[in-house]
Amino acid sequence: MSTAVTGRQKRRTKWNLWTAERRRHLQNWILLSPQLILFIALTVVPLFIALPMLFTDIGNFRDTTVHYVGLDNFTQLFRDPRLAAEYRSAVMRTARFAVTNIIMVYVFGLTLALLMYEVGFKGGLFTLIYMPMMISGFALGFVALMLFGKATGIVNQILRELGLLQAPIDIKSARGTALILPILVGWQYAGYNMAIFLSGLLAIPKETVEAAVVDGASYLQRLLRVYFPQMVPTMVIVLTFALMGSFRLFAQLAALGAFAGNEEAQFLSVFLVRYGFSSNKLALALVISIETFLPLMLIAGFLQYVRRRLSYEI
């Protein structure tokens, strides 16, 4: 009798566990479904719609005279010297910005993460640092114009009144865009990058930090020999996001006059939009974007491979 009861109890327990597991999975899918639906509707579906366009000469979405051109679009970048020169210039501007942007990511994000880690979490401070993420790219671009406009920029006027500046900084000039844009973008995403760096710092075992303190290690020594070596996987993640984000930048560039003569703001994203919509070469712009996307994906995949290897070794 007791054996039969025990068997029924085991089966009931298994059934309850299975039911609870199914309920948990269902809740997860319900919570995930809005974002998943948006991702499929706005990313996956347009991707499949665009695939046939790659092999045509479609100029815009209202083009009714579409012809099949095979692989011509895929070789156009290598056959047209003018197109290749414009593409190289856009890629070089984007690459230069990517380097400075990565530096700003570490200057802002890592510094703030170390500050929060050492001083402690302050709810108001965390919110204040994260707040610039809520600003749109266009708004950030217009803020830059208000601060560093050649004639009416507030920062320019203050620095000239203090005698620290002879000629005003023109945000729309090549030098002004190259210097100011990475700082503003780094400030905007400081909270986002800080959160990622902070997660890496919090994953460091307290015992290793305490042992370093007991051994008399200075703060710089703890950074170089305790914190940073154990944060390498986190740093690789931040590096990947910063690299991809640099090639995605668009709204800030439009606000800085990328479509109004500011050549230094004509990054790859602006080049693709200009070719796809202003020059009515939509299919060619789509193909160039894919030809650029594939090497970036290879770089991102290699960085993730490095991150996993380093994670296992650490």
C-alpha atoms as a PDB file:
ATOM      1  CA  MET A   1       0.000   0.000   0.000  1.00  0.00           C
ATOM      2  CA  SER A   2       2.728   2.452   1.017  1.00  0.00           C
ATOM      3  CA  THR A   3       4.639   1.627  -2.181  1.00  0.00           C
ATOM      4  CA  ALA A   4       1.588   2.491  -4.319  1.00  0.00           C
ATOM      5  CA  VAL A   5       1.091   5.789  -2.444  1.00  0.00           C
ATOM      6  CA  THR A   6       4.751   6.678  -2.846  1.00  0.00           C
ATOM      7  CA  GLY A   7       4.522   5.962  -6.599  1.00  0.00           C
ATOM      8  CA  ARG A   8       1.440   8.174  -6.952  1.00  0.00           C
ATOM      9  CA  GLN A   9       3.181  10.957  -5.021  1.00  0.00           C
ATOM     10  CA  LYS A  10       6.245  10.758  -7.271  1.00  0.00           C
ATOM     11  CA  ARG A  11       4.065  10.901 -10.400  1.00  0.00           C
ATOM     12  CA  ARG A  12       2.104  13.830  -8.969  1.00  0.00           C
ATOM     13  CA  THR A  13       5.330  15.625  -8.093  1.00  0.00           C
ATOM     14  CA  LYS A  14       6.708  15.087 -11.606  1.00  0.00           C
ATOM     15  CA  TRP A  15       3.420  16.313 -13.105  1.00  0.00           C
ATOM     16  CA  ASN A  16       3.468  19.430 -10.925  1.00  0.00           C
ATOM     17  CA  LEU A  17       7.092  20.171 -11.858  1.00  0.00           C
ATOM     18  CA  TRP A  18       6.339  19.677 -15.549  1.00  0.00           C
ATOM     19  CA  THR A  19       3.259  21.926 -15.315  1.00  0.00           C
ATOM     20  CA  ALA A  20       5.223  24.616 -13.487  1.00  0.00           C
ATOM     21  CA  GLU A  21       7.981  24.431 -16.102  1.00  0.00           C
ATOM     22  CA  ARG A  22       5.476  24.771 -18.936  1.00  0.00           C
ATOM     23  CA  ARG A  23       3.821  27.707 -17.191  1.00  0.00           C
ATOM     24  CA  ARG A  24       7.198  29.396 -16.762  1.00  0.00           C
ATOM     25  CA  HIS A  25       8.069  28.907 -20.443  1.00  0.00           C
ATOM     26  CA  LEU A  26       4.655  30.268 -21.454  1.00  0.00           C
ATOM     27  CA  GLN A  27       5.143  33.359 -19.301  1.00  0.00           C
ATOM     28  CA  ASN A  28       8.583  33.901 -20.826  1.00  0.00           C
ATOM     29  CA  TRP A  29       7.178  33.708 -24.348  1.00  0.00           C
ATOM     30  CA  ILE A  30       4.347  36.095 -23.449  1.00  0.00           C
ATOM     31  CA  LEU A  31       6.840  38.624 -22.121  1.00  0.00           C
ATOM     32  CA  LEU A  32       9.102  38.132 -25.144  1.00  0.00           C
ATOM     33  CA  SER A  33       6.369  38.195 -27.809  1.00  0.00           C
ATOM     34  CA  PRO A  34       5.934  42.006 -28.215  1.00  0.00           C
ATOM     35  CA  GLN A  35       9.644  42.534 -28.897  1.00  0.00           C
ATOM     36  CA  LEU A  36       9.809  39.387 -31.027  1.00  0.00           C
ATOM     37  CA  ILE A  37       6.837  40.495 -33.137  1.00  0.00           C
ATOM     38  CA  LEU A  38       8.394  43.927 -33.677  1.00  0.00           C
ATOM     39  CA  PHE A  39      11.751  42.367 -34.595  1.00  0.00           C
ATOM     40  CA  ILE A  40      10.145  40.031 -37.144  1.00  0.00           C
ATOM     41  CA  ALA A  41       7.912  42.748 -38.593  1.00  0.00           C
ATOM     42  CA  LEU A  42      10.535  45.489 -38.810  1.00  0.00           C
ATOM     43  CA  THR A  43      13.727  43.493 -39.458  1.00  0.00           C
ATOM     44  CA  VAL A  44      13.168  39.941 -40.715  1.00  0.00           C
ATOM     45  CA  VAL A  45      10.247  40.630 -43.075  1.00  0.00           C
ATOM     46  CA  PRO A  46      11.882  43.701 -44.729  1.00  0.00           C
ATOM     47  CA  LEU A  47      15.070  41.678 -45.145  1.00  0.00           C
ATOM     48  CA  PHE A  48      13.285  38.956 -47.098  1.00  0.00           C
ATOM     49  CA  ILE A  49      11.405  41.583 -49.112  1.00  0.00           C
ATOM     50  CA  ALA A  50      14.684  43.292 -50.021  1.00  0.00           C
ATOM     51  CA  LEU A  51      16.531  40.135 -51.099  1.00  0.00           C
ATOM     52  CA  PRO A  52      15.006  39.947 -54.625  1.00  0.00           C
ATOM     53  CA  MET A  53      15.774  43.661 -55.119  1.00  0.00           C
ATOM     54  CA  LEU A  54      19.499  42.961 -54.909  1.00  0.00           C
ATOM     55  CA  PHE A  55      19.448  41.424 -58.377  1.00  0.00           C
ATOM     56  CA  THR A  56      17.465  44.222 -60.065  1.00  0.00           C
ATOM     57  CA  ASP A  57      18.020  47.833 -61.116  1.00  0.00           C
ATOM     58  CA  ILE A  58      15.228  49.230 -58.933  1.00  0.00           C
ATOM     59  CA  GLY A  59      15.829  52.907 -58.227  1.00  0.00           C
ATOM     60  CA  ASN A  60      13.194  53.592 -55.574  1.00  0.00           C
ATOM     61  CA  PHE A  61      10.059  52.061 -54.119  1.00  0.00           C
ATOM     62  CA  ARG A  62       7.878  53.735 -56.760  1.00  0.00           C
ATOM     63  CA  ASP A  63       9.953  52.450 -59.665  1.00  0.00           C
ATOM     64  CA  THR A  64       7.726  50.502 -62.066  1.00  0.00           C
ATOM     65  CA  THR A  65      10.399  49.682 -64.669  1.00  0.00           C
ATOM     66  CA  VAL A  66      12.440  47.094 -62.811  1.00  0.00           C
ATOM     67  CA  HIS A  67      14.803  44.795 -64.711  1.00  0.00           C
ATOM     68  CA  TYR A  68      16.815  41.780 -63.644  1.00  0.00           C
ATOM     69  CA  VAL A  69      20.552  42.574 -63.757  1.00  0.00           C
ATOM     70  CA  GLY A  70      22.023  39.477 -62.139  1.00  0.00           C
ATOM     71  CA  LEU A  71      25.203  40.144 -60.179  1.00  0.00           C
ATOM     72  CA  ASP A  72      25.978  43.535 -61.744  1.00  0.00           C
ATOM     73  CA  ASN A  73      25.185  45.381 -58.516  1.00  0.00           C
ATOM     74  CA  PHE A  74      27.652  43.200 -56.611  1.00  0.00           C
ATOM     75  CA  THR A  75      30.519  44.131 -58.939  1.00  0.00           C
ATOM     76  CA  GLN A  76      29.600  47.810 -59.451  1.00  0.00           C
ATOM     77  CA  LEU A  77      31.683  48.910 -56.470  1.00  0.00           C
ATOM     78  CA  PHE A  78      34.779  47.363 -58.071  1.00  0.00           C
ATOM     79  CA  ARG A  79      34.066  48.602 -61.610  1.00  0.00           C
ATOM     80  CA  ASP A  80      33.092  52.230 -60.996  1.00  0.00           C
ATOM     81  CA  PRO A  81      36.124  54.350 -59.915  1.00  0.00           C
ATOM     82  CA  ARG A  82      33.958  57.306 -58.821  1.00  0.00           C
ATOM     83  CA  LEU A  83      31.701  55.110 -56.676  1.00  0.00           C
ATOM     84  CA  ALA A  84      34.736  53.325 -55.192  1.00  0.00           C
ATOM     85  CA  ALA A  85      36.394  56.656 -54.302  1.00  0.00           C
ATOM     86  CA  GLU A  86      33.256  57.956 -52.544  1.00  0.00           C
ATOM     87  CA  TYR A  87      32.838  54.653 -50.726  1.00  0.00           C
ATOM     88  CA  ARG A  88      36.461  54.617 -49.522  1.00  0.00           C
ATOM     89  CA  SER A  89      36.159  58.192 -48.259  1.00  0.00           C
ATOM     90  CA  ALA A  90      32.983  57.350 -46.326  1.00  0.00           C
ATOM     91  CA  VAL A  91      34.540  54.200 -44.865  1.00  0.00           C
ATOM     92  CA  MET A  92      37.686  56.075 -43.811  1.00  0.00           C
ATOM     93  CA  ARG A  93      35.656  58.785 -42.052  1.00  0.00           C
ATOM     94  CA  THR A  94      33.616  56.113 -40.292  1.00  0.00           C
ATOM     95  CA  ALA A  95      36.740  54.154 -39.327  1.00  0.00           C
ATOM     96  CA  ARG A  96      38.419  57.260 -37.890  1.00  0.00           C
ATOM     97  CA  PHE A  97      35.323  57.996 -35.861  1.00  0.00           C
ATOM     98  CA  ALA A  98      35.164  54.357 -34.715  1.00  0.00           C
ATOM     99  CA  VAL A  99      38.677  54.608 -33.262  1.00  0.00           C
ATOM    100  CA  THR A 100      37.948  57.825 -31.369  1.00  0.00           C
ATOM    101  CA  ASN A 101      34.525  56.540 -30.344  1.00  0.00           C
ATOM    102  CA  ILE A 102      36.076  53.415 -28.807  1.00  0.00           C
ATOM    103  CA  ILE A 103      38.500  55.617 -26.872  1.00  0.00           C
ATOM    104  CA  MET A 104      35.591  57.758 -25.600  1.00  0.00           C
ATOM    105  CA  VAL A 105      33.714  54.607 -24.584  1.00  0.00           C
ATOM    106  CA  TYR A 106      36.539  53.705 -22.232  1.00  0.00           C
ATOM    107  CA  VAL A 107      37.114  57.296 -21.076  1.00  0.00           C
ATOM    108  CA  PHE A 108      33.462  57.804 -20.114  1.00  0.00           C
ATOM    109  CA  GLY A 109      32.065  54.310 -19.517  1.00  0.00           C
ATOM    110  CA  LEU A 110      34.981  52.660 -17.738  1.00  0.00           C
ATOM    111  CA  THR A 111      35.777  55.724 -15.618  1.00  0.00           C
ATOM    112  CA  LEU A 112      32.186  56.055 -14.438  1.00  0.00           C
ATOM    113  CA  ALA A 113      31.928  52.310 -13.802  1.00  0.00           C
ATOM    114  CA  LEU A 114      35.038  52.391 -11.608  1.00  0.00           C
ATOM    115  CA  LEU A 115      33.636  55.410  -9.780  1.00  0.00           C
ATOM    116  CA  MET A 116      30.317  53.669  -9.121  1.00  0.00           C
ATOM    117  CA  TYR A 117      32.102  50.472  -8.106  1.00  0.00           C
ATOM    118  CA  GLU A 118      34.408  52.175  -5.611  1.00  0.00           C
ATOM    119  CA  VAL A 119      32.020  54.782  -4.239  1.00  0.00           C
ATOM    120  CA  GLY A 120      28.893  52.622  -4.277  1.00  0.00           C
ATOM    121  CA  PHE A 121      25.577  52.648  -6.107  1.00  0.00           C
ATOM    122  CA  LYS A 122      23.677  55.895  -5.814  1.00  0.00           C
ATOM    123  CA  GLY A 123      20.218  55.683  -7.350  1.00  0.00           C
ATOM    124  CA  GLY A 124      20.010  59.354  -8.336  1.00  0.00           C
ATOM    125  CA  LEU A 125      23.552  59.421  -9.726  1.00  0.00           C
ATOM    126  CA  PHE A 126      22.975  56.263 -11.776  1.00  0.00           C
ATOM    127  CA  THR A 127      19.798  57.779 -13.251  1.00  0.00           C
ATOM    128  CA  LEU A 128      21.567  61.062 -13.994  1.00  0.00           C
ATOM    129  CA  ILE A 129      24.406  59.288 -15.839  1.00  0.00           C
ATOM    130  CA  TYR A 130      21.979  57.120 -17.813  1.00  0.00           C
ATOM    131  CA  MET A 131      19.667  60.016 -18.733  1.00  0.00           C
ATOM    132  CA  PRO A 132      21.519  61.145 -21.924  1.00  0.00           C
ATOM    133  CA  MET A 133      20.589  57.756 -23.446  1.00  0.00           C
ATOM    134  CA  MET A 134      17.015  59.085 -23.602  1.00  0.00           C
ATOM    135  CA  ILE A 135      18.090  61.908 -25.928  1.00  0.00           C
ATOM    136  CA  SER A 136      17.498  61.245 -29.623  1.00  0.00           C
ATOM    137  CA  GLY A 137      20.345  61.439 -32.091  1.00  0.00           C
ATOM    138  CA  PHE A 138      18.830  64.479 -33.813  1.00  0.00           C
ATOM    139  CA  ALA A 139      18.487  66.270 -30.472  1.00  0.00           C
ATOM    140  CA  LEU A 140      22.123  65.513 -29.653  1.00  0.00           C
ATOM    141  CA  GLY A 141      23.200  66.926 -32.997  1.00  0.00           C
ATOM    142  CA  PHE A 142      21.258  70.137 -32.402  1.00  0.00           C
ATOM    143  CA  VAL A 143      22.718  70.391 -28.884  1.00  0.00           C
ATOM    144  CA  ALA A 144      26.163  70.221 -30.498  1.00  0.00           C
ATOM    145  CA  LEU A 145      25.181  73.048 -32.854  1.00  0.00           C
ATOM    146  CA  MET A 146      23.972  75.162 -29.924  1.00  0.00           C
ATOM    147  CA  LEU A 147      27.203  74.572 -28.014  1.00  0.00           C
ATOM    148  CA  PHE A 148      29.750  74.795 -30.831  1.00  0.00           C
ATOM    149  CA  GLY A 149      28.055  76.813 -33.560  1.00  0.00           C
ATOM    150  CA  LYS A 150      30.551  79.133 -35.241  1.00  0.00           C
ATOM    151  CA  ALA A 151      28.532  82.311 -34.673  1.00  0.00           C
ATOM    152  CA  THR A 152      26.187  81.558 -31.773  1.00  0.00           C
ATOM    153  CA  GLY A 153      27.750  78.570 -29.961  1.00  0.00           C
ATOM    154  CA  ILE A 154      27.547  79.010 -26.175  1.00  0.00           C
ATOM    155  CA  VAL A 155      30.861  77.251 -25.506  1.00  0.00           C
ATOM    156  CA  ASN A 156      32.573  79.309 -28.183  1.00  0.00           C
ATOM    157  CA  GLN A 157      31.319  82.560 -26.649  1.00  0.00           C
ATOM    158  CA  ILE A 158      32.383  81.574 -23.112  1.00  0.00           C
ATOM    159  CA  LEU A 159      35.858  80.464 -24.197  1.00  0.00           C
ATOM    160  CA  ARG A 160      36.388  83.640 -26.231  1.00  0.00           C
ATOM    161  CA  GLU A 161      35.277  85.839 -23.337  1.00  0.00           C
ATOM    162  CA  LEU A 162      37.772  84.046 -21.091  1.00  0.00           C
ATOM    163  CA  GLY A 163      40.493  84.535 -23.669  1.00  0.00           C
ATOM    164  CA  LEU A 164      41.032  80.786 -24.079  1.00  0.00           C
ATOM    165  CA  LEU A 165      39.998  80.693 -27.714  1.00  0.00           C
ATOM    166  CA  GLN A 166      41.152  82.902 -30.581  1.00  0.00           C
ATOM    167  CA  ALA A 167      39.013  81.507 -33.397  1.00  0.00           C
ATOM    168  CA  PRO A 168      35.617  79.861 -32.750  1.00  0.00           C
ATOM    169  CA  ILE A 169      35.230  76.101 -33.072  1.00  0.00           C
ATOM    170  CA  ASP A 170      33.006  75.319 -36.044  1.00  0.00           C
ATOM    171  CA  ILE A 171      31.186  72.042 -35.381  1.00  0.00           C
ATOM    172  CA  LYS A 172      30.357  71.792 -39.093  1.00  0.00           C
ATOM    173  CA  SER A 173      33.998  71.984 -40.142  1.00  0.00           C
ATOM    174  CA  ALA A 174      36.058  68.843 -40.696  1.00  0.00           C
ATOM    175  CA  ARG A 175      38.186  69.459 -37.599  1.00  0.00           C
ATOM    176  CA  GLY A 176      35.214  70.423 -35.429  1.00  0.00           C
ATOM    177  CA  THR A 177      33.173  67.355 -36.365  1.00  0.00           C
ATOM    178  CA  ALA A 178      36.135  65.012 -35.911  1.00  0.00           C
ATOM    179  CA  LEU A 179      36.887  66.405 -32.429  1.00  0.00           C
ATOM    180  CA  ILE A 180      33.459  67.135 -30.951  1.00  0.00           C
ATOM    181  CA  LEU A 181      31.264  64.330 -32.328  1.00  0.00           C
ATOM    182  CA  PRO A 182      33.074  61.434 -30.546  1.00  0.00           C
ATOM    183  CA  ILE A 183      32.927  63.324 -27.237  1.00  0.00           C
ATOM    184  CA  LEU A 184      29.193  63.955 -27.551  1.00  0.00           C
ATOM    185  CA  VAL A 185      28.418  60.384 -28.597  1.00  0.00           C
ATOM    186  CA  GLY A 186      30.627  59.049 -25.793  1.00  0.00           C
ATOM    187  CA  TRP A 187      28.748  61.248 -23.310  1.00  0.00           C
ATOM    188  CA  GLN A 188      25.379  60.123 -24.674  1.00  0.00           C
ATOM    189  CA  TYR A 189      26.165  56.408 -24.296  1.00  0.00           C
ATOM    190  CA  ALA A 190      28.199  56.769 -21.098  1.00  0.00           C
ATOM    191  CA  GLY A 191      25.444  55.250 -18.932  1.00  0.00           C
ATOM    192  CA  TYR A 192      24.938  52.293 -21.273  1.00  0.00           C
ATOM    193  CA  ASN A 193      28.651  51.469 -21.407  1.00  0.00           C
ATOM    194  CA  MET A 194      29.013  52.108 -17.683  1.00  0.00           C
ATOM    195  CA  ALA A 195      26.367  49.454 -16.967  1.00  0.00           C
ATOM    196  CA  ILE A 196      28.262  46.868 -19.052  1.00  0.00           C
ATOM    197  CA  PHE A 197      31.622  47.688 -17.445  1.00  0.00           C
ATOM    198  CA  LEU A 198      29.979  47.631 -14.028  1.00  0.00           C
ATOM    199  CA  SER A 199      28.667  44.125 -14.628  1.00  0.00           C
ATOM    200  CA  GLY A 200      32.240  43.020 -15.348  1.00  0.00           C
ATOM    201  CA  LEU A 201      33.523  44.672 -12.180  1.00  0.00           C
ATOM    202  CA  LEU A 202      30.822  43.064 -10.052  1.00  0.00           C
ATOM    203  CA  ALA A 203      31.762  39.639 -11.451  1.00  0.00           C
ATOM    204  CA  ILE A 204      35.273  39.935  -9.982  1.00  0.00           C
ATOM    205  CA  PRO A 205      35.521  37.793  -6.815  1.00  0.00           C
ATOM    206  CA  LYS A 206      35.811  39.976  -3.738  1.00  0.00           C
ATOM    207  CA  GLU A 207      38.515  37.659  -2.368  1.00  0.00           C
ATOM    208  CA  THR A 208      40.987  38.623  -5.110  1.00  0.00           C
ATOM    209  CA  VAL A 209      40.475  42.334  -4.463  1.00  0.00           C
ATOM    210  CA  GLU A 210      40.777  41.910  -0.700  1.00  0.00           C
ATOM    211  CA  ALA A 211      43.940  39.823  -1.122  1.00  0.00           C
ATOM    212  CA  ALA A 212      45.490  42.546  -3.272  1.00  0.00           C
ATOM    213  CA  VAL A 213      44.645  45.168  -0.644  1.00  0.00           C
ATOM    214  CA  VAL A 214      46.138  43.028   2.144  1.00  0.00           C
ATOM    215  CA  ASP A 215      49.313  42.577   0.080  1.00  0.00           C
ATOM    216  CA  GLY A 216      49.665  46.353  -0.099  1.00  0.00           C
ATOM    217  CA  ALA A 217      48.877  46.784  -3.815  1.00  0.00           C
ATOM    218  CA  SER A 218      48.202  50.375  -4.856  1.00  0.00           C
ATOM    219  CA  TYR A 219      45.009  51.273  -6.703  1.00  0.00           C
ATOM    220  CA  LEU A 220      46.847  51.425 -10.031  1.00  0.00           C
ATOM    221  CA  GLN A 221      48.335  47.974  -9.393  1.00  0.00           C
ATOM    222  CA  ARG A 222      44.888  46.600  -8.552  1.00  0.00           C
ATOM    223  CA  LEU A 223      43.550  48.038 -11.787  1.00  0.00           C
ATOM    224  CA  LEU A 224      46.300  46.587 -13.962  1.00  0.00           C
ATOM    225  CA  ARG A 225      46.726  43.215 -12.235  1.00  0.00           C
ATOM    226  CA  VAL A 226      43.338  42.412 -10.691  1.00  0.00           C
ATOM    227  CA  TYR A 227      40.505  44.366 -12.291  1.00  0.00           C
ATOM    228  CA  PHE A 228      41.453  44.654 -15.960  1.00  0.00           C
ATOM    229  CA  PRO A 229      42.683  41.061 -16.528  1.00  0.00           C
ATOM    230  CA  GLN A 230      39.362  39.719 -15.219  1.00  0.00           C
ATOM    231  CA  MET A 231      37.382  42.289 -17.219  1.00  0.00           C
ATOM    232  CA  VAL A 232      38.817  41.405 -20.635  1.00  0.00           C
ATOM    233  CA  PRO A 233      35.665  39.524 -21.810  1.00  0.00           C
ATOM    234  CA  THR A 234      33.538  42.514 -20.802  1.00  0.00           C
ATOM    235  CA  MET A 235      35.910  44.866 -22.608  1.00  0.00           C
ATOM    236  CA  VAL A 236      35.584  42.777 -25.779  1.00  0.00           C
ATOM    237  CA  ILE A 237      31.781  43.033 -25.578  1.00  0.00           C
ATOM    238  CA  VAL A 238      31.990  46.819 -25.214  1.00  0.00           C
ATOM    239  CA  LEU A 239      34.476  46.979 -28.102  1.00  0.00           C
ATOM    240  CA  THR A 240      32.052  45.025 -30.333  1.00  0.00           C
ATOM    241  CA  PHE A 241      29.097  47.266 -29.471  1.00  0.00           C
ATOM    242  CA  ALA A 242      31.161  50.426 -29.999  1.00  0.00           C
ATOM    243  CA  LEU A 243      32.403  49.217 -33.398  1.00  0.00           C
ATOM    244  CA  MET A 244      28.913  48.318 -34.616  1.00  0.00           C
ATOM    245  CA  GLY A 245      27.455  51.518 -33.201  1.00  0.00           C
ATOM    246  CA  SER A 246      30.011  53.626 -35.055  1.00  0.00           C
ATOM    247  CA  PHE A 247      28.852  52.244 -38.395  1.00  0.00           C
ATOM    248  CA  ARG A 248      25.173  52.711 -37.425  1.00  0.00           C
ATOM    249  CA  LEU A 249      25.472  56.397 -36.525  1.00  0.00           C
ATOM    250  CA  PHE A 250      23.123  58.512 -38.631  1.00  0.00           C
ATOM    251  CA  ALA A 251      20.759  60.935 -36.859  1.00  0.00           C
ATOM    252  CA  GLN A 252      23.583  62.929 -35.242  1.00  0.00           C
ATOM    253  CA  LEU A 253      25.274  63.265 -38.634  1.00  0.00           C
ATOM    254  CA  ALA A 254      22.102  64.509 -40.304  1.00  0.00           C
ATOM    255  CA  ALA A 255      21.697  67.173 -37.615  1.00  0.00           C
ATOM    256  CA  LEU A 256      25.318  68.264 -38.166  1.00  0.00           C
ATOM    257  CA  GLY A 257      24.692  68.929 -41.846  1.00  0.00           C
ATOM    258  CA  ALA A 258      25.728  65.680 -43.513  1.00  0.00           C
ATOM    259  CA  PHE A 259      23.168  66.391 -46.259  1.00  0.00           C
ATOM    260  CA  ALA A 260      23.963  70.103 -46.362  1.00  0.00           C
ATOM    261  CA  GLY A 261      27.618  70.172 -47.329  1.00  0.00           C
ATOM    262  CA  ASN A 262      29.464  68.982 -44.205  1.00  0.00           C
ATOM    263  CA  GLU A 263      31.754  66.427 -45.826  1.00  0.00           C
ATOM    264  CA  GLU A 264      33.315  65.254 -42.549  1.00  0.00           C
ATOM    265  CA  ALA A 265      29.844  64.134 -41.398  1.00  0.00           C
ATOM    266  CA  GLN A 266      29.278  62.009 -44.504  1.00  0.00           C
ATOM    267  CA  PHE A 267      29.871  58.640 -42.908  1.00  0.00           C
ATOM    268  CA  LEU A 268      29.018  55.303 -44.499  1.00  0.00           C
ATOM    269  CA  SER A 269      25.408  55.422 -43.267  1.00  0.00           C
ATOM    270  CA  VAL A 270      24.915  58.821 -44.938  1.00  0.00           C
ATOM    271  CA  PHE A 271      26.588  57.559 -48.115  1.00  0.00           C
ATOM    272  CA  LEU A 272      24.171  54.617 -48.303  1.00  0.00           C
ATOM    273  CA  VAL A 273      21.077  56.741 -47.658  1.00  0.00           C
ATOM    274  CA  ARG A 274      22.210  59.306 -50.212  1.00  0.00           C
ATOM    275  CA  TYR A 275      22.777  56.657 -52.868  1.00  0.00           C
ATOM    276  CA  GLY A 276      19.621  54.732 -52.025  1.00  0.00           C
ATOM    277  CA  PHE A 277      17.171  57.617 -51.893  1.00  0.00           C
ATOM    278  CA  SER A 278      18.711  60.843 -53.219  1.00  0.00           C
ATOM    279  CA  SER A 279      20.435  59.236 -56.216  1.00  0.00           C
ATOM    280  CA  ASN A 280      17.650  56.711 -56.838  1.00  0.00           C
ATOM    281  CA  LYS A 281      19.970  53.705 -56.721  1.00  0.00           C
ATOM    282  CA  LEU A 282      18.188  51.691 -54.069  1.00  0.00           C
ATOM    283  CA  ALA A 283      19.330  48.238 -55.215  1.00  0.00           C
ATOM    284  CA  LEU A 284      22.969  49.330 -55.430  1.00  0.00           C
ATOM    285  CA  ALA A 285      22.833  50.882 -51.944  1.00  0.00           C
ATOM    286  CA  LEU A 286      21.359  47.653 -50.537  1.00  0.00           C
ATOM    287  CA  VAL A 287      24.130  45.581 -52.112  1.00  0.00           C
ATOM    288  CA  ILE A 288      26.868  47.915 -50.815  1.00  0.00           C
ATOM    289  CA  SER A 289      25.373  47.746 -47.327  1.00  0.00           C
ATOM    290  CA  ILE A 290      25.533  43.946 -47.436  1.00  0.00           C
ATOM    291  CA  GLU A 291      29.099  43.986 -48.789  1.00  0.00           C
ATOM    292  CA  THR A 292      30.022  46.190 -45.813  1.00  0.00           C
ATOM    293  CA  PHE A 293      27.951  44.227 -43.312  1.00  0.00           C
ATOM    294  CA  LEU A 294      29.609  40.871 -43.984  1.00  0.00           C
ATOM    295  CA  PRO A 295      33.187  41.929 -43.024  1.00  0.00           C
ATOM    296  CA  LEU A 296      31.799  43.625 -39.910  1.00  0.00           C
ATOM    297  CA  MET A 297      30.028  40.403 -38.960  1.00  0.00           C
ATOM    298  CA  LEU A 298      33.281  38.485 -39.412  1.00  0.00           C
ATOM    299  CA  ILE A 299      35.075  40.950 -37.135  1.00  0.00           C
ATOM    300  CA  ALA A 300      32.270  40.721 -34.554  1.00  0.00           C
ATOM    301  CA  GLY A 301      32.345  36.924 -34.726  1.00  0.00           C
ATOM    302  CA  PHE A 302      36.119  36.892 -34.225  1.00  0.00           C
ATOM    303  CA  LEU A 303      35.800  39.226 -31.212  1.00  0.00           C
ATOM    304  CA  GLN A 304      33.170  36.955 -29.672  1.00  0.00           C
ATOM    305  CA  TYR A 305      35.417  33.943 -30.269  1.00  0.00           C
ATOM    306  CA  VAL A 306      38.222  35.794 -28.474  1.00  0.00           C
ATOM    307  CA  ARG A 307      35.851  36.671 -25.638  1.00  0.00           C
ATOM    308  CA  ARG A 308      34.793  33.049 -25.158  1.00  0.00           C
ATOM    309  CA  ARG A 309      38.398  31.843 -25.183  1.00  0.00           C
ATOM    310  CA  LEU A 310      39.392  34.455 -22.648  1.00  0.00           C
ATOM    311  CA  SER A 311      36.373  33.635 -20.495  1.00  0.00           C
ATOM    312  CA  TYR A 312      37.397  29.973 -20.342  1.00  0.00           C
ATOM    313  CA  GLU A 313      41.024  30.831 -19.558  1.00  0.00           C
ATOM    314  CA  ILE A 314      40.090  33.270 -16.796  1.00  0.00           C
END
